[in-house]
Amino acid sequence: MASIIPLLTEFEKTQISERQALPEQYLGLSDAEMDARITAARRTLGTRLLILGHHYQRDEVIKFADATGDSFRLARQVAAHPDADYIVFCGVHFMAESADVLAAPHQQVILPDLAAGCSMADMVAPDQLENCWEELTQMGVADGPAKAGHYDPSVRHDPSVRHDPSVRHDPSVRHDPSVRHDRSVRHDRSVRHDRSVRLQADQDRKAGVVPVTYINSAASIKAFVGERGGPVCTSSNAAATLRWAFARGEKVLFLPDQHLGRNTAFKMGIPLDEMVVWDPNEIYGGLDPDQVAKAKMILWKGHCSVHTRFSVGQIEAIRKQHPGVRVIVHPEVPWDVVQAADDSGSTEYIIKTVANSPRGSIWAVGTEVHLVNRLANQLAPDQTVLSLDSFGCLCSTMFRVSPNHLLWILEELVDGRVHNRIVVADEQKHWTKVALDRMLSIQ
């Protein structure tokens, strides 16, 4: 497994000029020169700079990160570093968007290579989600576009909206003494009671569907979900998020990764026959009203291009090659792969589980190859860590963040020039933050 990464890196160096254009002087540099110059730029920028590195990032980039982790852990790092003016996110586009939403007004979020996207995030477009919600409304499941009538305790009074002092009492409008109170007409206390009962019923009524989006989605999708009472989730808190959602709704629309939704829900005890897949390219998602009515989980037809490469056949083969091996996979893999494995969980869970296992343990890990290789090097010789896929599953978009791009970004910052800033539109920012804040609050 270890030999595949240097091969990939050397090939990538020959292709770097074909991606986001870099000035000529940043091409063809030796690793030693880039390391020295990146280190110097970091030293110059000091605490004004925060570099975040996702677990799937390549070694020659992540070694410069001030904080590493999965999407959930890195999202928390933004608020923890208010002194940083520049947040350089060595990840992919949706992660940088989330960082921009959570950042303070003075902070600028930068993505070293704008070509670092996410194929899963691209599998749900705003117009597709709007059509889905409208069709679920027509099926009598979703609550429809009129949201103002439903109580949402997460939406609080806006203190910026104040009394207008220009609107004053009109002294010309006086009480008419000829109009007297009719004492024969008494206040009907049942009206007040009935009103309070109806208000409480509105507050207690569960929504038909609560939308939940995986953090691997664009800000526009997060904003849509947030506005309709839903949260963002990560693989670290997916189960807690589903419990939160089912406390507020009868069903969950989970997007964009059907596998994470299915695996998490099944682990919580929801049977497969109470899950359906919504195909955005089909009318009414390719489902009939009865199927939707019976379902607790409506899974968007999306997936991770890396994790769907893992298979049951790979697990069977590695068990034959390494008797006693334990298999642990990320929950973005297909359902049958999770069932064939010994354990599953987020990248943080995988790291902790493998690292805390007894000496002599052998593990086959089903997730991105850079994380697996790094874990293998860190834990050897006490534990043996193998990739479940003998060829290694590479996140090719994460791989686009190269040391060349990082060096360019940092040296330009030293000279006072900001490139590749990620800015979420103001009209999306509020509801995106609402959805992300819900994610951060769910335990």
Protein backbone atom coordinates (compact mmCIF):
# COMPACT_ATOMS: atom_id res chain seq x y z
CA MET A 1 0.00 0.00 0.00
CA ALA A 2 2.75 2.44 0.96
CA SER A 3 4.29 2.30 -2.54
CA ILE A 4 1.16 3.64 -4.25
CA ILE A 5 1.32 7.12 -2.69
CA PRO A 6 4.78 8.15 -3.98
CA LEU A 7 3.69 6.94 -7.42
CA LEU A 8 0.53 9.04 -7.28
CA THR A 9 2.48 12.06 -6.06
CA GLU A 10 5.06 11.86 -8.82
CA PHE A 11 2.33 11.54 -11.45
CA GLU A 12 0.50 14.52 -9.94
CA LYS A 13 3.59 16.71 -10.26
CA THR A 14 3.51 16.20 -14.02
CA GLN A 15 -0.14 17.29 -14.18
CA ILE A 16 -0.09 20.30 -11.84
CA SER A 17 0.08 22.91 -14.61
CA GLU A 18 -3.18 21.55 -16.07
CA ARG A 19 -5.25 22.58 -13.04
CA GLN A 20 -5.69 26.04 -11.54
CA ALA A 21 -3.00 28.12 -13.15
CA LEU A 22 0.06 28.86 -11.02
CA PRO A 23 2.76 31.41 -11.78
CA GLU A 24 5.65 29.76 -13.60
CA GLN A 25 8.02 30.24 -10.66
CA TYR A 26 5.90 27.87 -8.53
CA LEU A 27 6.26 24.94 -10.93
CA GLY A 28 9.10 22.43 -10.85
CA LEU A 29 10.23 23.26 -7.31
CA SER A 30 11.92 20.63 -5.19
CA ASP A 31 10.15 19.36 -2.08
CA ALA A 32 12.96 20.71 0.12
CA GLU A 33 12.69 24.23 -1.32
CA MET A 34 8.90 24.29 -0.94
CA ASP A 35 9.14 23.06 2.65
CA ALA A 36 11.63 25.78 3.55
CA ARG A 37 9.63 28.57 1.89
CA ILE A 38 6.29 27.44 3.37
CA THR A 39 7.88 27.33 6.81
CA ALA A 40 9.27 30.84 6.34
CA ALA A 41 5.91 32.24 5.18
CA ARG A 42 4.13 30.66 8.16
CA ARG A 43 6.66 32.18 10.51
CA THR A 44 6.18 35.62 8.98
CA LEU A 45 2.38 35.48 9.17
CA GLY A 46 2.42 34.13 12.73
CA THR A 47 -0.90 33.98 14.57
CA ARG A 48 -2.63 35.87 11.74
CA LEU A 49 -2.61 32.55 9.86
CA LEU A 50 -4.54 29.35 10.61
CA ILE A 51 -4.00 26.34 8.37
CA LEU A 52 -6.61 23.59 8.64
CA GLY A 53 -5.93 20.14 7.17
CA HIS A 54 -8.46 17.38 6.57
CA HIS A 55 -7.47 13.80 7.36
CA TYR A 56 -7.58 12.90 3.65
CA GLN A 57 -5.01 15.53 2.75
CA ARG A 58 -1.60 14.41 1.46
CA ASP A 59 1.33 14.22 3.90
CA GLU A 60 3.42 16.93 2.27
CA VAL A 61 0.58 19.42 2.87
CA ILE A 62 -1.01 18.28 6.13
CA LYS A 63 2.32 18.46 7.97
CA PHE A 64 1.96 22.26 7.86
CA ALA A 65 -1.56 22.29 9.34
CA ASP A 66 -2.15 23.98 12.69
CA ALA A 67 -5.13 21.68 13.24
CA THR A 68 -6.15 18.41 11.59
CA GLY A 69 -9.36 16.44 11.74
CA ASP A 70 -12.57 15.46 10.00
CA SER A 71 -15.12 18.04 8.84
CA PHE A 72 -16.82 18.24 12.25
CA ARG A 73 -13.62 18.75 14.21
CA LEU A 74 -12.28 21.34 11.75
CA ALA A 75 -15.56 23.28 11.86
CA ARG A 76 -15.04 23.71 15.60
CA GLN A 77 -11.52 25.03 15.04
CA VAL A 78 -12.75 28.16 13.26
CA ALA A 79 -14.37 29.65 16.37
CA ALA A 80 -11.42 28.54 18.49
CA HIS A 81 -8.99 30.85 16.65
CA PRO A 82 -10.52 34.35 16.62
CA ASP A 83 -7.08 36.00 16.25
CA ALA A 84 -6.45 34.49 12.82
CA ASP A 85 -7.03 36.87 9.91
CA TYR A 86 -6.51 34.17 7.27
CA ILE A 87 -7.91 30.63 7.41
CA VAL A 88 -6.26 28.50 4.74
CA PHE A 89 -8.36 25.37 4.38
CA CYS A 90 -6.46 22.41 2.97
CA GLY A 91 -9.57 20.47 2.09
CA VAL A 92 -12.31 20.87 -0.50
CA HIS A 93 -14.74 23.62 -1.45
CA PHE A 94 -17.71 22.78 0.78
CA MET A 95 -15.43 22.71 3.84
CA ALA A 96 -14.10 26.19 3.04
CA GLU A 97 -17.68 27.43 2.60
CA SER A 98 -18.62 26.16 6.05
CA ALA A 99 -15.54 27.82 7.51
CA ASP A 100 -16.51 31.13 5.90
CA VAL A 101 -19.99 30.95 7.40
CA LEU A 102 -18.64 30.20 10.87
CA ALA A 103 -15.76 32.69 10.66
CA ALA A 104 -15.71 36.13 12.27
CA PRO A 105 -16.30 39.13 9.95
CA HIS A 106 -12.59 40.02 9.84
CA GLN A 107 -11.48 36.51 8.87
CA GLN A 108 -10.89 35.48 5.26
CA VAL A 109 -11.14 31.83 4.24
CA ILE A 110 -8.89 30.64 1.43
CA LEU A 111 -8.84 27.41 -0.59
CA PRO A 112 -5.37 26.78 -2.07
CA ASP A 113 -6.75 25.24 -5.28
CA LEU A 114 -10.24 26.17 -6.47
CA ALA A 115 -10.39 22.90 -8.40
CA ALA A 116 -10.66 21.00 -5.10
CA GLY A 117 -14.35 20.17 -5.14
CA CYS A 118 -16.46 17.19 -4.10
CA SER A 119 -18.35 14.93 -6.48
CA MET A 120 -20.84 14.01 -3.75
CA ALA A 121 -21.65 17.66 -3.05
CA ASP A 122 -22.28 18.11 -6.78
CA MET A 123 -24.92 15.36 -6.72
CA VAL A 124 -27.57 17.69 -5.27
CA ALA A 125 -28.39 21.01 -6.93
CA PRO A 126 -30.63 23.70 -5.38
CA ASP A 127 -33.30 23.41 -8.09
CA GLN A 128 -33.41 19.63 -7.64
CA LEU A 129 -33.91 20.01 -3.91
CA GLU A 130 -36.62 22.64 -4.41
CA ASN A 131 -38.44 20.30 -6.82
CA CYS A 132 -38.10 17.44 -4.33
CA TRP A 133 -39.58 19.52 -1.51
CA GLU A 134 -42.45 20.69 -3.71
CA GLU A 135 -43.22 17.13 -4.78
CA LEU A 136 -43.08 15.88 -1.19
CA THR A 137 -45.52 18.66 -0.33
CA GLN A 138 -47.84 17.51 -3.11
CA MET A 139 -47.62 14.01 -1.66
CA GLY A 140 -48.78 15.44 1.67
CA VAL A 141 -45.51 14.72 3.46
CA ALA A 142 -43.52 17.98 3.57
CA ASP A 143 -44.92 21.16 5.07
CA GLY A 144 -44.53 23.18 1.90
CA PRO A 145 -42.91 26.53 1.27
CA ALA A 146 -45.01 28.49 3.80
CA LYS A 147 -42.86 28.11 6.89
CA ALA A 148 -43.81 31.19 8.92
CA GLY A 149 -46.83 29.54 10.52
CA HIS A 150 -44.78 26.83 12.20
CA TYR A 151 -43.14 27.47 15.50
CA ASP A 152 -39.36 27.02 15.45
CA PRO A 153 -37.73 27.44 18.87
CA SER A 154 -34.32 27.84 17.21
CA VAL A 155 -35.46 31.10 15.59
CA ARG A 156 -35.33 33.81 18.24
CA HIS A 157 -36.18 37.48 18.44
CA ASP A 158 -33.81 39.62 16.38
CA PRO A 159 -32.43 42.29 18.74
CA SER A 160 -31.44 44.42 15.75
CA VAL A 161 -35.12 45.11 15.09
CA ARG A 162 -36.00 47.97 17.46
CA HIS A 163 -38.95 50.22 18.12
CA ASP A 164 -39.23 53.07 15.62
CA PRO A 165 -39.34 56.31 17.68
CA SER A 166 -40.66 58.25 14.69
CA VAL A 167 -44.00 56.51 15.07
CA ARG A 168 -45.75 58.46 17.87
CA HIS A 169 -49.17 58.49 19.50
CA ASP A 170 -51.67 60.63 17.61
CA PRO A 171 -53.28 62.98 20.24
CA SER A 172 -56.08 63.86 17.82
CA VAL A 173 -57.50 60.39 18.18
CA ARG A 174 -59.36 60.42 21.52
CA HIS A 175 -61.58 58.06 23.40
CA ASP A 176 -65.26 58.45 22.54
CA PRO A 177 -67.09 58.69 25.91
CA SER A 178 -70.38 57.79 24.25
CA VAL A 179 -69.07 54.33 23.59
CA ARG A 180 -69.31 52.50 26.90
CA HIS A 181 -68.37 49.05 27.96
CA ASP A 182 -71.30 46.64 27.87
CA ARG A 183 -71.08 44.83 31.20
CA SER A 184 -73.57 42.23 29.98
CA VAL A 185 -70.94 40.96 27.59
CA ARG A 186 -68.40 39.11 29.65
CA HIS A 187 -65.01 37.85 28.67
CA ASP A 188 -65.13 34.28 27.41
CA ARG A 189 -62.26 32.53 29.17
CA SER A 190 -62.69 29.49 26.96
CA VAL A 191 -61.50 31.56 24.00
CA ARG A 192 -58.17 32.24 25.69
CA HIS A 193 -57.86 28.61 26.70
CA ASP A 194 -58.72 27.42 23.22
CA ARG A 195 -56.13 29.74 21.71
CA SER A 196 -53.41 28.49 24.07
CA VAL A 197 -54.31 24.89 23.31
CA ARG A 198 -54.05 25.54 19.59
CA LEU A 199 -50.72 27.34 20.02
CA GLN A 200 -49.35 24.47 22.07
CA ALA A 201 -50.62 21.99 19.49
CA ASP A 202 -48.79 23.90 16.75
CA GLN A 203 -45.61 23.84 18.83
CA ASP A 204 -45.93 20.15 19.67
CA ARG A 205 -46.94 19.00 16.21
CA LYS A 206 -44.20 17.06 14.48
CA ALA A 207 -43.22 18.14 11.00
CA GLY A 208 -43.94 15.71 8.17
CA VAL A 209 -40.32 15.70 7.05
CA VAL A 210 -37.19 17.16 8.62
CA PRO A 211 -34.40 17.70 6.08
CA VAL A 212 -30.87 16.76 7.14
CA THR A 213 -27.85 17.41 4.96
CA TYR A 214 -24.43 15.87 5.29
CA ILE A 215 -21.71 18.50 5.61
CA ASN A 216 -20.51 17.32 2.18
CA SER A 217 -22.91 19.72 0.46
CA ALA A 218 -22.87 23.25 -0.91
CA ALA A 219 -23.83 26.25 1.22
CA SER A 220 -26.98 26.70 -0.88
CA ILE A 221 -28.15 23.23 0.20
CA LYS A 222 -27.30 23.87 3.84
CA ALA A 223 -29.25 27.14 3.68
CA PHE A 224 -32.32 25.37 2.23
CA VAL A 225 -32.19 22.78 5.01
CA GLY A 226 -31.61 25.36 7.74
CA GLU A 227 -34.56 27.47 6.63
CA ARG A 228 -36.84 24.45 6.84
CA GLY A 229 -35.87 23.49 10.36
CA GLY A 230 -33.11 21.01 9.59
CA PRO A 231 -29.45 20.65 10.59
CA VAL A 232 -26.16 19.73 8.98
CA CYS A 233 -24.51 16.53 10.14
CA THR A 234 -21.14 14.83 9.83
CA SER A 235 -20.24 11.16 10.05
CA SER A 236 -19.19 11.86 13.66
CA ASN A 237 -22.64 12.99 14.82
CA ALA A 238 -24.96 11.45 12.21
CA ALA A 239 -26.76 9.19 14.72
CA ALA A 240 -27.27 12.02 17.21
CA THR A 241 -28.54 14.21 14.39
CA LEU A 242 -31.09 11.62 13.28
CA ARG A 243 -32.34 11.29 16.86
CA TRP A 244 -32.68 15.08 16.98
CA ALA A 245 -34.58 15.09 13.69
CA PHE A 246 -36.96 12.27 14.60
CA ALA A 247 -37.83 14.11 17.81
CA ARG A 248 -39.15 16.87 15.55
CA GLY A 249 -40.50 15.05 12.52
CA GLU A 250 -42.08 11.83 11.35
CA LYS A 251 -39.60 11.34 8.51
CA VAL A 252 -36.13 12.49 7.52
CA LEU A 253 -35.02 13.60 4.08
CA PHE A 254 -31.30 12.75 4.17
CA LEU A 255 -28.96 14.15 1.56
CA PRO A 256 -26.79 13.88 -0.37
CA ASP A 257 -25.16 10.56 0.70
CA GLN A 258 -27.63 7.68 0.70
CA HIS A 259 -25.09 5.28 2.22
CA LEU A 260 -24.31 7.32 5.31
CA GLY A 261 -28.04 7.83 5.84
CA ARG A 262 -28.88 4.16 5.36
CA ASN A 263 -26.03 2.80 7.48
CA THR A 264 -26.68 5.22 10.34
CA ALA A 265 -30.44 4.65 10.37
CA PHE A 266 -30.07 0.86 10.19
CA LYS A 267 -27.63 0.90 13.10
CA MET A 268 -30.27 2.83 15.06
CA GLY A 269 -32.83 0.07 14.42
CA ILE A 270 -34.73 1.43 11.40
CA PRO A 271 -35.34 -1.47 8.99
CA LEU A 272 -34.38 -1.24 5.33
CA ASP A 273 -38.01 -1.54 4.21
CA GLU A 274 -38.67 1.80 5.91
CA MET A 275 -36.10 3.53 3.73
CA VAL A 276 -36.54 4.71 0.15
CA VAL A 277 -34.17 6.34 -2.32
CA TRP A 278 -35.19 9.63 -3.92
CA ASP A 279 -33.84 9.91 -7.47
CA PRO A 280 -33.75 13.63 -8.38
CA ASN A 281 -33.74 12.77 -12.08
CA GLU A 282 -37.12 11.02 -11.85
CA ILE A 283 -40.60 12.53 -11.41
CA TYR A 284 -41.53 12.34 -7.71
CA GLY A 285 -38.11 10.81 -7.11
CA GLY A 286 -39.23 7.62 -8.87
CA LEU A 287 -41.51 6.85 -5.91
CA ASP A 288 -45.24 6.60 -5.39
CA PRO A 289 -47.10 8.19 -2.45
CA ASP A 290 -47.53 4.86 -0.65
CA GLN A 291 -43.78 4.21 -0.66
CA VAL A 292 -43.08 7.67 0.74
CA ALA A 293 -45.87 7.37 3.31
CA LYS A 294 -44.41 4.12 4.70
CA ALA A 295 -40.83 5.38 4.77
CA LYS A 296 -39.08 6.90 7.77
CA MET A 297 -35.92 7.68 5.81
CA ILE A 298 -36.01 9.33 2.38
CA LEU A 299 -32.46 8.97 1.08
CA TRP A 300 -31.15 11.24 -1.66
CA LYS A 301 -29.53 9.30 -4.50
CA GLY A 302 -25.95 10.41 -3.94
CA HIS A 303 -22.71 8.76 -2.90
CA CYS A 304 -18.98 9.19 -2.27
CA SER A 305 -16.93 8.17 -5.30
CA VAL A 306 -14.10 7.00 -3.02
CA HIS A 307 -16.02 4.92 -0.50
CA THR A 308 -18.28 3.13 -2.98
CA ARG A 309 -15.16 1.44 -4.34
CA PHE A 310 -15.01 -0.79 -1.28
CA SER A 311 -16.74 -4.15 -1.60
CA VAL A 312 -17.65 -7.32 0.25
CA GLY A 313 -15.31 -9.20 -2.09
CA GLN A 314 -12.38 -7.12 -0.83
CA ILE A 315 -13.27 -8.00 2.76
CA GLU A 316 -13.47 -11.71 1.94
CA ALA A 317 -10.12 -11.58 0.14
CA ILE A 318 -8.28 -9.77 2.91
CA ARG A 319 -9.64 -12.16 5.56
CA LYS A 320 -8.11 -15.04 3.59
CA GLN A 321 -4.78 -13.21 3.20
CA HIS A 322 -4.58 -12.11 6.84
CA PRO A 323 -6.34 -14.50 9.25
CA GLY A 324 -7.51 -12.66 12.35
CA VAL A 325 -7.62 -9.28 10.62
CA ARG A 326 -10.27 -6.85 11.83
CA VAL A 327 -12.05 -4.74 9.23
CA ILE A 328 -13.21 -1.21 9.97
CA VAL A 329 -14.88 1.01 7.36
CA HIS A 330 -16.27 4.49 6.97
CA PRO A 331 -20.11 4.65 6.93
CA GLU A 332 -20.06 6.20 3.45
CA VAL A 333 -19.45 2.68 2.09
CA PRO A 334 -22.43 0.62 0.83
CA TRP A 335 -24.64 -1.13 3.39
CA ASP A 336 -23.49 -4.67 2.59
CA VAL A 337 -19.86 -3.64 3.16
CA VAL A 338 -20.69 -2.32 6.64
CA GLN A 339 -22.49 -5.58 7.43
CA ALA A 340 -19.46 -7.62 6.33
CA ALA A 341 -17.01 -5.47 8.32
CA ASP A 342 -16.28 -5.75 12.03
CA ASP A 343 -16.83 -2.08 12.78
CA SER A 344 -17.63 1.25 11.15
CA GLY A 345 -17.39 4.90 12.03
CA SER A 346 -16.13 8.36 11.16
CA THR A 347 -12.48 9.06 10.41
CA GLU A 348 -11.98 10.22 13.99
CA TYR A 349 -13.60 7.01 15.27
CA ILE A 350 -11.46 4.87 12.98
CA ILE A 351 -8.26 6.56 14.14
CA LYS A 352 -9.10 6.19 17.84
CA THR A 353 -10.32 2.59 17.52
CA VAL A 354 -7.27 1.38 15.64
CA ALA A 355 -4.80 3.38 17.76
CA ASN A 356 -6.27 2.02 21.00
CA SER A 357 -6.31 -1.62 19.90
CA PRO A 358 -3.98 -4.20 21.50
CA ARG A 359 -0.41 -4.62 20.28
CA GLY A 360 -0.21 -7.12 17.47
CA SER A 361 -3.62 -6.19 16.05
CA ILE A 362 -4.06 -6.32 12.30
CA TRP A 363 -6.53 -3.90 10.73
CA ALA A 364 -7.91 -3.48 7.23
CA VAL A 365 -9.30 0.05 6.90
CA GLY A 366 -11.88 1.08 4.33
CA THR A 367 -11.39 4.79 3.78
CA GLU A 368 -9.16 7.24 1.88
CA VAL A 369 -5.63 6.02 1.28
CA HIS A 370 -3.72 8.97 2.76
CA LEU A 371 -5.38 8.56 6.14
CA VAL A 372 -4.79 4.79 6.06
CA ASN A 373 -1.13 5.15 5.08
CA ARG A 374 -0.51 7.81 7.75
CA LEU A 375 -2.15 5.62 10.39
CA ALA A 376 -0.05 2.64 9.30
CA ASN A 377 3.19 4.62 9.63
CA GLN A 378 2.25 6.09 13.00
CA LEU A 379 1.25 2.78 14.60
CA ALA A 380 3.91 0.45 13.19
CA PRO A 381 5.26 -1.86 14.50
CA ASP A 382 2.77 -2.20 17.36
CA GLN A 383 -0.22 -2.57 15.03
CA THR A 384 -0.44 -3.50 11.37
CA VAL A 385 -2.73 -1.30 9.27
CA LEU A 386 -3.67 -2.22 5.71
CA SER A 387 -5.88 -0.61 3.11
CA LEU A 388 -8.98 -2.66 2.37
CA ASP A 389 -8.44 -1.77 -1.29
CA SER A 390 -5.01 -3.03 -2.32
CA PHE A 391 -4.70 -0.21 -4.84
CA GLY A 392 -5.67 2.45 -2.30
CA CYS A 393 -8.75 4.63 -2.66
CA LEU A 394 -7.67 8.17 -3.44
CA CYS A 395 -9.81 11.30 -3.00
CA SER A 396 -8.64 12.88 -6.23
CA THR A 397 -10.17 16.29 -5.53
CA MET A 398 -8.57 16.55 -2.08
CA PHE A 399 -5.30 15.55 -3.76
CA ARG A 400 -5.45 18.70 -5.89
CA VAL A 401 -4.30 20.79 -2.94
CA SER A 402 -0.57 20.60 -3.56
CA PRO A 403 2.39 22.10 -1.68
CA ASN A 404 2.93 24.28 -4.74
CA HIS A 405 -0.53 25.84 -4.33
CA LEU A 406 -0.08 26.21 -0.58
CA LEU A 407 3.27 27.95 -1.06
CA TRP A 408 1.81 30.35 -3.64
CA ILE A 409 -1.11 31.26 -1.37
CA LEU A 410 1.10 31.87 1.67
CA GLU A 411 3.77 33.94 -0.08
CA GLU A 412 1.06 36.10 -1.65
CA LEU A 413 -0.45 36.65 1.80
CA VAL A 414 2.95 37.76 3.08
CA ASP A 415 2.94 40.36 0.27
CA GLY A 416 -0.59 41.45 1.17
CA ARG A 417 -2.45 39.76 -1.69
CA VAL A 418 -5.36 37.36 -1.10
CA HIS A 419 -6.20 34.74 -3.72
CA ASN A 420 -8.90 32.07 -3.85
CA ARG A 421 -11.01 33.58 -1.10
CA ILE A 422 -14.21 31.61 -0.49
CA VAL A 423 -17.22 33.83 0.23
CA VAL A 424 -20.74 32.53 0.83
CA ALA A 425 -23.41 34.90 -0.49
CA ASP A 426 -25.16 36.99 2.16
CA GLU A 427 -28.59 35.64 1.22
CA GLN A 428 -27.39 32.11 2.02
CA LYS A 429 -25.19 32.87 5.00
CA HIS A 430 -27.87 33.26 7.71
CA TRP A 431 -29.69 29.97 7.18
CA THR A 432 -26.46 28.11 6.45
CA LYS A 433 -25.16 29.25 9.82
CA VAL A 434 -28.43 28.23 11.50
CA ALA A 435 -28.01 24.71 10.08
CA LEU A 436 -24.33 24.55 11.06
CA ASP A 437 -25.02 25.89 14.56
CA ARG A 438 -27.61 23.13 15.00
CA MET A 439 -24.94 20.62 13.98
CA LEU A 440 -22.48 22.01 16.51
CA SER A 441 -25.11 21.98 19.28
CA ILE A 442 -26.22 18.37 18.77
CA GLN A 443 -24.46 15.97 21.12
